[in-house]
Full PDB file with SEQRES, HELIX, SHEET, SSBOND, CRYST1, ORIGX, SCALE, CONECT and MASTER records, all heavy atoms in Angstrom:
SEQRES   1 A   34  LEU LYS LYS SER VAL LEU ILE LEU VAL ILE PHE ALA LEU          
SEQRES   2 A   34  TRP GLN VAL VAL CYS GLU LEU GLU ILE PHE THR PRO TYR          
SEQRES   3 A   34  ILE LEU PRO SER PRO ILE THR THR                              
HELIX    1 AA1 LYS A    2  GLU A   19  1                                  18    
CRYST1    1.000    1.000    1.000  90.00  90.00  90.00 P 1           1          
ORIGX1      1.000000  0.000000  0.000000        0.00000                         
ORIGX2      0.000000  1.000000  0.000000        0.00000                         
ORIGX3      0.000000  0.000000  1.000000        0.00000                         
SCALE1      1.000000  0.000000  0.000000        0.00000                         
SCALE2      0.000000  1.000000  0.000000        0.00000                         
SCALE3      0.000000  0.000000  1.000000        0.00000                         
ATOM      1  N   LEU A   1       0.826  -1.206   0.000  1.00  0.00           N  
ATOM      2  CA  LEU A   1       0.000   0.000   0.000  1.00  0.00           C  
ATOM      3  C   LEU A   1       0.863   1.260   0.000  1.00  0.00           C  
ATOM      4  O   LEU A   1       0.565   2.237  -0.697  1.00  0.00           O  
ATOM      5  CB  LEU A   1      -0.936  -0.001   1.211  1.00  0.00           C  
ATOM      6  CG  LEU A   1      -2.070  -1.033   1.194  1.00  0.00           C  
ATOM      7  CD1 LEU A   1      -2.811  -1.036   2.521  1.00  0.00           C  
ATOM      8  CD2 LEU A   1      -3.038  -0.740   0.044  1.00  0.00           C  
ATOM      9  N   LYS A   2       1.940   1.244   0.797  1.00  0.00           N  
ATOM     10  CA  LYS A   2       2.838   2.398   0.847  1.00  0.00           C  
ATOM     11  C   LYS A   2       3.474   2.658  -0.519  1.00  0.00           C  
ATOM     12  O   LYS A   2       3.601   3.814  -0.946  1.00  0.00           O  
ATOM     13  CB  LYS A   2       3.931   2.160   1.888  1.00  0.00           C  
ATOM     14  CG  LYS A   2       3.445   2.248   3.334  1.00  0.00           C  
ATOM     15  CD  LYS A   2       4.595   2.011   4.306  1.00  0.00           C  
ATOM     16  CE  LYS A   2       4.132   2.110   5.759  1.00  0.00           C  
ATOM     17  NZ  LYS A   2       5.235   1.857   6.707  1.00  0.00           N  
ATOM     18  N   LYS A   3       3.868   1.577  -1.186  1.00  0.00           N  
ATOM     19  CA  LYS A   3       4.502   1.725  -2.492  1.00  0.00           C  
ATOM     20  C   LYS A   3       3.506   2.155  -3.566  1.00  0.00           C  
ATOM     21  O   LYS A   3       3.898   2.696  -4.608  1.00  0.00           O  
ATOM     22  CB  LYS A   3       5.170   0.405  -2.906  1.00  0.00           C  
ATOM     23  CG  LYS A   3       6.392   0.052  -2.069  1.00  0.00           C  
ATOM     24  CD  LYS A   3       7.023  -1.243  -2.528  1.00  0.00           C  
ATOM     25  CE  LYS A   3       8.269  -1.579  -1.707  1.00  0.00           C  
ATOM     26  NZ  LYS A   3       8.906  -2.838  -2.141  1.00  0.00           N  
ATOM     27  N   SER A   4       2.215   1.899  -3.323  1.00  0.00           N  
ATOM     28  CA  SER A   4       1.181   2.224  -4.307  1.00  0.00           C  
ATOM     29  C   SER A   4       0.644   3.640  -4.160  1.00  0.00           C  
ATOM     30  O   SER A   4      -0.037   4.132  -5.060  1.00  0.00           O  
ATOM     31  CB  SER A   4       0.014   1.228  -4.179  1.00  0.00           C  
ATOM     32  OG  SER A   4       0.458  -0.095  -4.334  1.00  0.00           O  
ATOM     33  N   VAL A   5       0.934   4.292  -3.027  1.00  0.00           N  
ATOM     34  CA  VAL A   5       0.355   5.611  -2.755  1.00  0.00           C  
ATOM     35  C   VAL A   5       0.695   6.611  -3.850  1.00  0.00           C  
ATOM     36  O   VAL A   5      -0.187   7.276  -4.410  1.00  0.00           O  
ATOM     37  CB  VAL A   5       0.829   6.143  -1.378  1.00  0.00           C  
ATOM     38  CG1 VAL A   5       0.472   7.620  -1.233  1.00  0.00           C  
ATOM     39  CG2 VAL A   5       0.188   5.343  -0.260  1.00  0.00           C  
ATOM     40  N   LEU A   6       1.977   6.737  -4.182  1.00  0.00           N  
ATOM     41  CA  LEU A   6       2.404   7.730  -5.165  1.00  0.00           C  
ATOM     42  C   LEU A   6       1.799   7.435  -6.537  1.00  0.00           C  
ATOM     43  O   LEU A   6       1.388   8.359  -7.258  1.00  0.00           O  
ATOM     44  CB  LEU A   6       3.927   7.767  -5.256  1.00  0.00           C  
ATOM     45  CG  LEU A   6       4.519   8.835  -6.193  1.00  0.00           C  
ATOM     46  CD1 LEU A   6       4.053  10.224  -5.787  1.00  0.00           C  
ATOM     47  CD2 LEU A   6       6.042   8.749  -6.206  1.00  0.00           C  
ATOM     48  N   ILE A   7       1.723   6.148  -6.886  1.00  0.00           N  
ATOM     49  CA  ILE A   7       1.137   5.768  -8.177  1.00  0.00           C  
ATOM     50  C   ILE A   7      -0.332   6.180  -8.230  1.00  0.00           C  
ATOM     51  O   ILE A   7      -0.798   6.754  -9.232  1.00  0.00           O  
ATOM     52  CB  ILE A   7       1.274   4.242  -8.405  1.00  0.00           C  
ATOM     53  CG1 ILE A   7       2.749   3.861  -8.483  1.00  0.00           C  
ATOM     54  CG2 ILE A   7       0.550   3.815  -9.674  1.00  0.00           C  
ATOM     55  CD1 ILE A   7       3.004   2.375  -8.537  1.00  0.00           C  
ATOM     56  N   LEU A   8      -1.070   5.920  -7.162  1.00  0.00           N  
ATOM     57  CA  LEU A   8      -2.486   6.281  -7.112  1.00  0.00           C  
ATOM     58  C   LEU A   8      -2.672   7.792  -7.163  1.00  0.00           C  
ATOM     59  O   LEU A   8      -3.600   8.294  -7.819  1.00  0.00           O  
ATOM     60  CB  LEU A   8      -3.127   5.705  -5.842  1.00  0.00           C  
ATOM     61  CG  LEU A   8      -3.185   4.174  -5.761  1.00  0.00           C  
ATOM     62  CD1 LEU A   8      -3.692   3.731  -4.395  1.00  0.00           C  
ATOM     63  CD2 LEU A   8      -4.074   3.612  -6.868  1.00  0.00           C  
ATOM     64  N   VAL A   9      -1.792   8.520  -6.490  1.00  0.00           N  
ATOM     65  CA  VAL A   9      -1.860   9.992  -6.510  1.00  0.00           C  
ATOM     66  C   VAL A   9      -1.642  10.517  -7.925  1.00  0.00           C  
ATOM     67  O   VAL A   9      -2.359  11.411  -8.394  1.00  0.00           O  
ATOM     68  CB  VAL A   9      -0.817  10.596  -5.545  1.00  0.00           C  
ATOM     69  CG1 VAL A   9      -0.694  12.108  -5.759  1.00  0.00           C  
ATOM     70  CG2 VAL A   9      -1.203  10.302  -4.103  1.00  0.00           C  
ATOM     71  N   ILE A  10      -0.648   9.948  -8.613  1.00  0.00           N  
ATOM     72  CA  ILE A  10      -0.360  10.378  -9.991  1.00  0.00           C  
ATOM     73  C   ILE A  10      -1.557  10.116 -10.896  1.00  0.00           C  
ATOM     74  O   ILE A  10      -1.964  10.987 -11.690  1.00  0.00           O  
ATOM     75  CB  ILE A  10       0.901   9.661 -10.526  1.00  0.00           C  
ATOM     76  CG1 ILE A  10       2.140  10.161  -9.783  1.00  0.00           C  
ATOM     77  CG2 ILE A  10       1.048   9.885 -12.030  1.00  0.00           C  
ATOM     78  CD1 ILE A  10       3.405   9.381 -10.104  1.00  0.00           C  
ATOM     79  N   PHE A  11      -2.167   8.936 -10.771  1.00  0.00           N  
ATOM     80  CA  PHE A  11      -3.333   8.613 -11.600  1.00  0.00           C  
ATOM     81  C   PHE A  11      -4.511   9.521 -11.262  1.00  0.00           C  
ATOM     82  O   PHE A  11      -5.263   9.933 -12.151  1.00  0.00           O  
ATOM     83  CB  PHE A  11      -3.711   7.140 -11.434  1.00  0.00           C  
ATOM     84  CG  PHE A  11      -3.015   6.228 -12.399  1.00  0.00           C  
ATOM     85  CD1 PHE A  11      -1.756   5.726 -12.126  1.00  0.00           C  
ATOM     86  CD2 PHE A  11      -3.614   5.875 -13.591  1.00  0.00           C  
ATOM     87  CE1 PHE A  11      -1.099   4.889 -13.014  1.00  0.00           C  
ATOM     88  CE2 PHE A  11      -2.977   5.047 -14.498  1.00  0.00           C  
ATOM     89  CZ  PHE A  11      -1.716   4.548 -14.208  1.00  0.00           C  
ATOM     90  N   ALA A  12      -4.681   9.830  -9.971  1.00  0.00           N  
ATOM     91  CA  ALA A  12      -5.778  10.715  -9.557  1.00  0.00           C  
ATOM     92  C   ALA A  12      -5.573  12.122 -10.133  1.00  0.00           C  
ATOM     93  O   ALA A  12      -6.519  12.725 -10.669  1.00  0.00           O  
ATOM     94  CB  ALA A  12      -5.860  10.766  -8.035  1.00  0.00           C  
ATOM     95  N   LEU A  13      -4.343  12.642 -10.034  1.00  0.00           N  
ATOM     96  CA  LEU A  13      -4.048  13.965 -10.593  1.00  0.00           C  
ATOM     97  C   LEU A  13      -4.215  13.968 -12.108  1.00  0.00           C  
ATOM     98  O   LEU A  13      -4.720  14.953 -12.690  1.00  0.00           O  
ATOM     99  CB  LEU A  13      -2.624  14.385 -10.216  1.00  0.00           C  
ATOM    100  CG  LEU A  13      -2.385  14.707  -8.735  1.00  0.00           C  
ATOM    101  CD1 LEU A  13      -0.893  14.952  -8.485  1.00  0.00           C  
ATOM    102  CD2 LEU A  13      -3.203  15.920  -8.311  1.00  0.00           C  
ATOM    103  N   TRP A  14      -3.791  12.891 -12.728  1.00  0.00           N  
ATOM    104  CA  TRP A  14      -3.951  12.749 -14.185  1.00  0.00           C  
ATOM    105  C   TRP A  14      -5.432  12.821 -14.566  1.00  0.00           C  
ATOM    106  O   TRP A  14      -5.803  13.541 -15.500  1.00  0.00           O  
ATOM    107  CB  TRP A  14      -3.317  11.431 -14.605  1.00  0.00           C  
ATOM    108  CG  TRP A  14      -3.376  11.110 -16.067  1.00  0.00           C  
ATOM    109  CD1 TRP A  14      -3.824  11.908 -17.084  1.00  0.00           C  
ATOM    110  CD2 TRP A  14      -2.956   9.892 -16.684  1.00  0.00           C  
ATOM    111  NE1 TRP A  14      -3.722  11.264 -18.295  1.00  0.00           N  
ATOM    112  CE2 TRP A  14      -3.190  10.027 -18.078  1.00  0.00           C  
ATOM    113  CE3 TRP A  14      -2.404   8.700 -16.191  1.00  0.00           C  
ATOM    114  CZ2 TRP A  14      -2.889   9.006 -18.978  1.00  0.00           C  
ATOM    115  CZ3 TRP A  14      -2.108   7.696 -17.090  1.00  0.00           C  
ATOM    116  CH2 TRP A  14      -2.346   7.847 -18.468  1.00  0.00           C  
ATOM    117  N   GLN A  15      -6.276  12.104 -13.825  1.00  0.00           N  
ATOM    118  CA  GLN A  15      -7.709  12.111 -14.115  1.00  0.00           C  
ATOM    119  C   GLN A  15      -8.310  13.506 -13.880  1.00  0.00           C  
ATOM    120  O   GLN A  15      -9.150  13.971 -14.671  1.00  0.00           O  
ATOM    121  CB  GLN A  15      -8.423  11.076 -13.228  1.00  0.00           C  
ATOM    122  CG  GLN A  15      -9.904  10.916 -13.499  1.00  0.00           C  
ATOM    123  CD  GLN A  15     -10.194  10.384 -14.885  1.00  0.00           C  
ATOM    124  OE1 GLN A  15      -9.462   9.531 -15.405  1.00  0.00           O  
ATOM    125  NE2 GLN A  15     -11.258  10.885 -15.511  1.00  0.00           N  
ATOM    126  N   VAL A  16      -7.871  14.168 -12.820  1.00  0.00           N  
ATOM    127  CA  VAL A  16      -8.385  15.519 -12.525  1.00  0.00           C  
ATOM    128  C   VAL A  16      -8.026  16.486 -13.646  1.00  0.00           C  
ATOM    129  O   VAL A  16      -8.859  17.290 -14.093  1.00  0.00           O  
ATOM    130  CB  VAL A  16      -7.826  16.026 -11.173  1.00  0.00           C  
ATOM    131  CG1 VAL A  16      -8.121  17.515 -10.995  1.00  0.00           C  
ATOM    132  CG2 VAL A  16      -8.416  15.227 -10.025  1.00  0.00           C  
ATOM    133  N   VAL A  17      -6.773  16.424 -14.105  1.00  0.00           N  
ATOM    134  CA  VAL A  17      -6.329  17.288 -15.204  1.00  0.00           C  
ATOM    135  C   VAL A  17      -7.172  17.054 -16.457  1.00  0.00           C  
ATOM    136  O   VAL A  17      -7.568  18.011 -17.148  1.00  0.00           O  
ATOM    137  CB  VAL A  17      -4.832  17.043 -15.503  1.00  0.00           C  
ATOM    138  CG1 VAL A  17      -4.417  17.726 -16.810  1.00  0.00           C  
ATOM    139  CG2 VAL A  17      -3.971  17.553 -14.369  1.00  0.00           C  
ATOM    140  N   CYS A  18      -7.479  15.794 -16.724  1.00  0.00           N  
ATOM    141  CA  CYS A  18      -8.309  15.476 -17.898  1.00  0.00           C  
ATOM    142  C   CYS A  18      -9.747  15.959 -17.716  1.00  0.00           C  
ATOM    143  O   CYS A  18     -10.371  16.445 -18.666  1.00  0.00           O  
ATOM    144  CB  CYS A  18      -8.282  13.968 -18.161  1.00  0.00           C  
ATOM    145  SG  CYS A  18      -6.671  13.342 -18.703  1.00  0.00           S  
ATOM    146  N   GLU A  19     -10.292  15.829 -16.496  1.00  0.00           N  
ATOM    147  CA  GLU A  19     -11.653  16.287 -16.226  1.00  0.00           C  
ATOM    148  C   GLU A  19     -11.764  17.804 -16.371  1.00  0.00           C  
ATOM    149  O   GLU A  19     -12.783  18.341 -16.823  1.00  0.00           O  
ATOM    150  CB  GLU A  19     -12.073  15.872 -14.804  1.00  0.00           C  
ATOM    151  CG  GLU A  19     -12.265  14.381 -14.613  1.00  0.00           C  
ATOM    152  CD  GLU A  19     -13.483  13.849 -15.344  1.00  0.00           C  
ATOM    153  OE1 GLU A  19     -14.386  14.650 -15.655  1.00  0.00           O  
ATOM    154  OE2 GLU A  19     -13.511  12.629 -15.628  1.00  0.00           O  
ATOM    155  N   LEU A  20     -10.721  18.519 -15.982  1.00  0.00           N  
ATOM    156  CA  LEU A  20     -10.706  19.985 -16.092  1.00  0.00           C  
ATOM    157  C   LEU A  20     -10.418  20.446 -17.518  1.00  0.00           C  
ATOM    158  O   LEU A  20     -10.475  21.654 -17.798  1.00  0.00           O  
ATOM    159  CB  LEU A  20      -9.646  20.565 -15.140  1.00  0.00           C  
ATOM    160  CG  LEU A  20      -9.906  20.368 -13.639  1.00  0.00           C  
ATOM    161  CD1 LEU A  20      -8.724  20.876 -12.826  1.00  0.00           C  
ATOM    162  CD2 LEU A  20     -11.191  21.087 -13.209  1.00  0.00           C  
ATOM    163  N   GLU A  21     -10.083  19.499 -18.395  1.00  0.00           N  
ATOM    164  CA  GLU A  21      -9.813  19.778 -19.806  1.00  0.00           C  
ATOM    165  C   GLU A  21      -8.697  20.808 -19.991  1.00  0.00           C  
ATOM    166  O   GLU A  21      -8.764  21.695 -20.846  1.00  0.00           O  
ATOM    167  CB  GLU A  21     -11.088  20.241 -20.519  1.00  0.00           C  
ATOM    168  CG  GLU A  21     -12.172  19.182 -20.528  1.00  0.00           C  
ATOM    169  CD  GLU A  21     -13.404  19.626 -21.299  1.00  0.00           C  
ATOM    170  OE1 GLU A  21     -13.475  20.803 -21.694  1.00  0.00           O  
ATOM    171  OE2 GLU A  21     -14.291  18.786 -21.523  1.00  0.00           O  
ATOM    172  N   ILE A  22      -7.670  20.671 -19.136  1.00  0.00           N  
ATOM    173  CA  ILE A  22      -6.493  21.530 -19.276  1.00  0.00           C  
ATOM    174  C   ILE A  22      -5.769  21.213 -20.588  1.00  0.00           C  
ATOM    175  O   ILE A  22      -5.259  22.104 -21.267  1.00  0.00           O  
ATOM    176  CB  ILE A  22      -5.554  21.346 -18.067  1.00  0.00           C  
ATOM    177  CG1 ILE A  22      -6.272  21.797 -16.781  1.00  0.00           C  
ATOM    178  CG2 ILE A  22      -4.256  22.117 -18.254  1.00  0.00           C  
ATOM    179  CD1 ILE A  22      -5.496  21.547 -15.516  1.00  0.00           C  
ATOM    180  N   PHE A  23      -5.739  19.920 -20.918  1.00  0.00           N  
ATOM    181  CA  PHE A  23      -5.213  19.483 -22.205  1.00  0.00           C  
ATOM    182  C   PHE A  23      -6.322  18.742 -22.945  1.00  0.00           C  
ATOM    183  O   PHE A  23      -7.198  18.136 -22.329  1.00  0.00           O  
ATOM    184  CB  PHE A  23      -4.018  18.545 -22.021  1.00  0.00           C  
ATOM    185  CG  PHE A  23      -2.863  19.161 -21.276  1.00  0.00           C  
ATOM    186  CD1 PHE A  23      -2.669  18.896 -19.933  1.00  0.00           C  
ATOM    187  CD2 PHE A  23      -1.986  20.003 -21.923  1.00  0.00           C  
ATOM    188  CE1 PHE A  23      -1.608  19.465 -19.235  1.00  0.00           C  
ATOM    189  CE2 PHE A  23      -0.918  20.576 -21.240  1.00  0.00           C  
ATOM    190  CZ  PHE A  23      -0.738  20.309 -19.891  1.00  0.00           C  
ATOM    191  N   THR A  24      -6.279  18.771 -24.250  1.00  0.00           N  
ATOM    192  CA  THR A  24      -7.286  18.057 -25.039  1.00  0.00           C  
ATOM    193  C   THR A  24      -7.020  16.553 -24.982  1.00  0.00           C  
ATOM    194  O   THR A  24      -5.863  16.136 -24.815  1.00  0.00           O  
ATOM    195  CB  THR A  24      -7.244  18.508 -26.505  1.00  0.00           C  
ATOM    196  OG1 THR A  24      -5.975  18.142 -27.076  1.00  0.00           O  
ATOM    197  CG2 THR A  24      -7.447  20.015 -26.620  1.00  0.00           C  
ATOM    198  N   PRO A  25      -8.046  15.712 -25.114  1.00  0.00           N  
ATOM    199  CA  PRO A  25      -7.850  14.251 -25.124  1.00  0.00           C  
ATOM    200  C   PRO A  25      -6.907  13.793 -26.228  1.00  0.00           C  
ATOM    201  O   PRO A  25      -6.291  12.730 -26.130  1.00  0.00           O  
ATOM    202  CB  PRO A  25      -9.264  13.725 -25.356  1.00  0.00           C  
ATOM    203  CG  PRO A  25     -10.167  14.809 -24.874  1.00  0.00           C  
ATOM    204  CD  PRO A  25      -9.456  16.089 -25.175  1.00  0.00           C  
ATOM    205  N   TYR A  26      -6.792  14.617 -27.280  1.00  0.00           N  
ATOM    206  CA  TYR A  26      -5.880  14.304 -28.378  1.00  0.00           C  
ATOM    207  C   TYR A  26      -4.434  14.259 -27.889  1.00  0.00           C  
ATOM    208  O   TYR A  26      -3.622  13.450 -28.337  1.00  0.00           O  
ATOM    209  CB  TYR A  26      -6.054  15.368 -29.472  1.00  0.00           C  
ATOM    210  CG  TYR A  26      -5.018  15.340 -30.567  1.00  0.00           C  
ATOM    211  CD1 TYR A  26      -5.092  14.407 -31.599  1.00  0.00           C  
ATOM    212  CD2 TYR A  26      -3.963  16.255 -30.576  1.00  0.00           C  
ATOM    213  CE1 TYR A  26      -4.142  14.391 -32.614  1.00  0.00           C  
ATOM    214  CE2 TYR A  26      -3.005  16.235 -31.582  1.00  0.00           C  
ATOM    215  CZ  TYR A  26      -3.103  15.301 -32.597  1.00  0.00           C  
ATOM    216  OH  TYR A  26      -2.156  15.275 -33.588  1.00  0.00           O  
ATOM    217  N   ILE A  27      -4.105  15.152 -26.938  1.00  0.00           N  
ATOM    218  CA  ILE A  27      -2.745  15.227 -26.390  1.00  0.00           C  
ATOM    219  C   ILE A  27      -2.592  14.356 -25.152  1.00  0.00           C  
ATOM    220  O   ILE A  27      -1.607  13.638 -25.000  1.00  0.00           O  
ATOM    221  CB  ILE A  27      -2.381  16.689 -26.045  1.00  0.00           C  
ATOM    222  CG1 ILE A  27      -2.376  17.537 -27.314  1.00  0.00           C  
ATOM    223  CG2 ILE A  27      -1.035  16.771 -25.337  1.00  0.00           C  
ATOM    224  CD1 ILE A  27      -2.143  19.007 -27.065  1.00  0.00           C  
ATOM    225  N   LEU A  28      -3.577  14.440 -24.259  1.00  0.00           N  
ATOM    226  CA  LEU A  28      -3.501  13.698 -22.996  1.00  0.00           C  
ATOM    227  C   LEU A  28      -4.825  12.978 -22.730  1.00  0.00           C  
ATOM    228  O   LEU A  28      -5.741  13.560 -22.141  1.00  0.00           O  
ATOM    229  CB  LEU A  28      -3.176  14.638 -21.829  1.00  0.00           C  
ATOM    230  CG  LEU A  28      -2.973  13.971 -20.465  1.00  0.00           C  
ATOM    231  CD1 LEU A  28      -1.722  13.098 -20.472  1.00  0.00           C  
ATOM    232  CD2 LEU A  28      -2.877  15.024 -19.361  1.00  0.00           C  
ATOM    233  N   PRO A  29      -4.932  11.723 -23.151  1.00  0.00           N  
ATOM    234  CA  PRO A  29      -6.144  10.957 -22.852  1.00  0.00           C  
ATOM    235  C   PRO A  29      -6.212  10.638 -21.365  1.00  0.00           C  
ATOM    236  O   PRO A  29      -5.186  10.587 -20.682  1.00  0.00           O  
ATOM    237  CB  PRO A  29      -5.967   9.687 -23.678  1.00  0.00           C  
ATOM    238  CG  PRO A  29      -4.488   9.534 -23.816  1.00  0.00           C  
ATOM    239  CD  PRO A  29      -3.936  10.927 -23.878  1.00  0.00           C  
ATOM    240  N   SER A  30      -7.410  10.446 -20.852  1.00  0.00           N  
ATOM    241  CA  SER A  30      -7.578  10.145 -19.428  1.00  0.00           C  
ATOM    242  C   SER A  30      -7.051   8.745 -19.128  1.00  0.00           C  
ATOM    243  O   SER A  30      -6.967   7.896 -20.024  1.00  0.00           O  
ATOM    244  CB  SER A  30      -9.054  10.229 -19.043  1.00  0.00           C  
ATOM    245  OG  SER A  30      -9.780   9.170 -19.639  1.00  0.00           O  
ATOM    246  N   PRO A  31      -6.712   8.487 -17.863  1.00  0.00           N  
ATOM    247  CA  PRO A  31      -6.253   7.134 -17.511  1.00  0.00           C  
ATOM    248  C   PRO A  31      -7.334   6.079 -17.761  1.00  0.00           C  
ATOM    249  O   PRO A  31      -7.011   4.940 -18.115  1.00  0.00           O  
ATOM    250  CB  PRO A  31      -5.917   7.247 -16.019  1.00  0.00           C  
ATOM    251  CG  PRO A  31      -6.548   8.500 -15.543  1.00  0.00           C  
ATOM    252  CD  PRO A  31      -6.628   9.412 -16.719  1.00  0.00           C  
ATOM    253  N   ILE A  32      -8.595   6.464 -17.605  1.00  0.00           N  
ATOM    254  CA  ILE A  32      -9.687   5.517 -17.860  1.00  0.00           C  
ATOM    255  C   ILE A  32      -9.711   5.129 -19.332  1.00  0.00           C  
ATOM    256  O   ILE A  32      -9.847   3.951 -19.686  1.00  0.00           O  
ATOM    257  CB  ILE A  32     -11.041   6.118 -17.427  1.00  0.00           C  
ATOM    258  CG1 ILE A  32     -11.068   6.313 -15.910  1.00  0.00           C  
ATOM    259  CG2 ILE A  32     -12.190   5.215 -17.871  1.00  0.00           C  
ATOM    260  CD1 ILE A  32     -12.300   7.024 -15.399  1.00  0.00           C  
ATOM    261  N   THR A  33      -9.581   6.132 -20.210  1.00  0.00           N  
ATOM    262  CA  THR A  33      -9.542   5.862 -21.653  1.00  0.00           C  
ATOM    263  C   THR A  33      -8.344   4.994 -22.014  1.00  0.00           C  
ATOM    264  O   THR A  33      -8.444   4.055 -22.809  1.00  0.00           O  
ATOM    265  CB  THR A  33      -9.464   7.192 -22.435  1.00  0.00           C  
ATOM    266  OG1 THR A  33     -10.601   7.990 -22.128  1.00  0.00           O  
ATOM    267  CG2 THR A  33      -9.424   6.939 -23.936  1.00  0.00           C  
ATOM    268  N   THR A  34      -7.200   5.302 -21.412  1.00  0.00           N  
ATOM    269  CA  THR A  34      -5.975   4.533 -21.686  1.00  0.00           C  
ATOM    270  C   THR A  34      -6.119   3.078 -21.247  1.00  0.00           C  
ATOM    271  O   THR A  34      -5.756   2.153 -21.984  1.00  0.00           O  
ATOM    272  CB  THR A  34      -4.771   5.169 -20.963  1.00  0.00           C  
ATOM    273  OG1 THR A  34      -4.631   6.526 -21.390  1.00  0.00           O  
ATOM    274  CG2 THR A  34      -3.496   4.407 -21.263  1.00  0.00           C  
TER     275      THR A  34                                                      
MASTER        0    0    0    1    0    0    0    6  274    1    0    3          
END                                                                             
């Protein structure tokens, strides 16, 4: 769990960035899409 924390945080931030549409899906697809 300790080793997974940073990975989960990165994926969560990635999803938030995609939800806010800071970048277009063409450049940065969401982790769910990937």
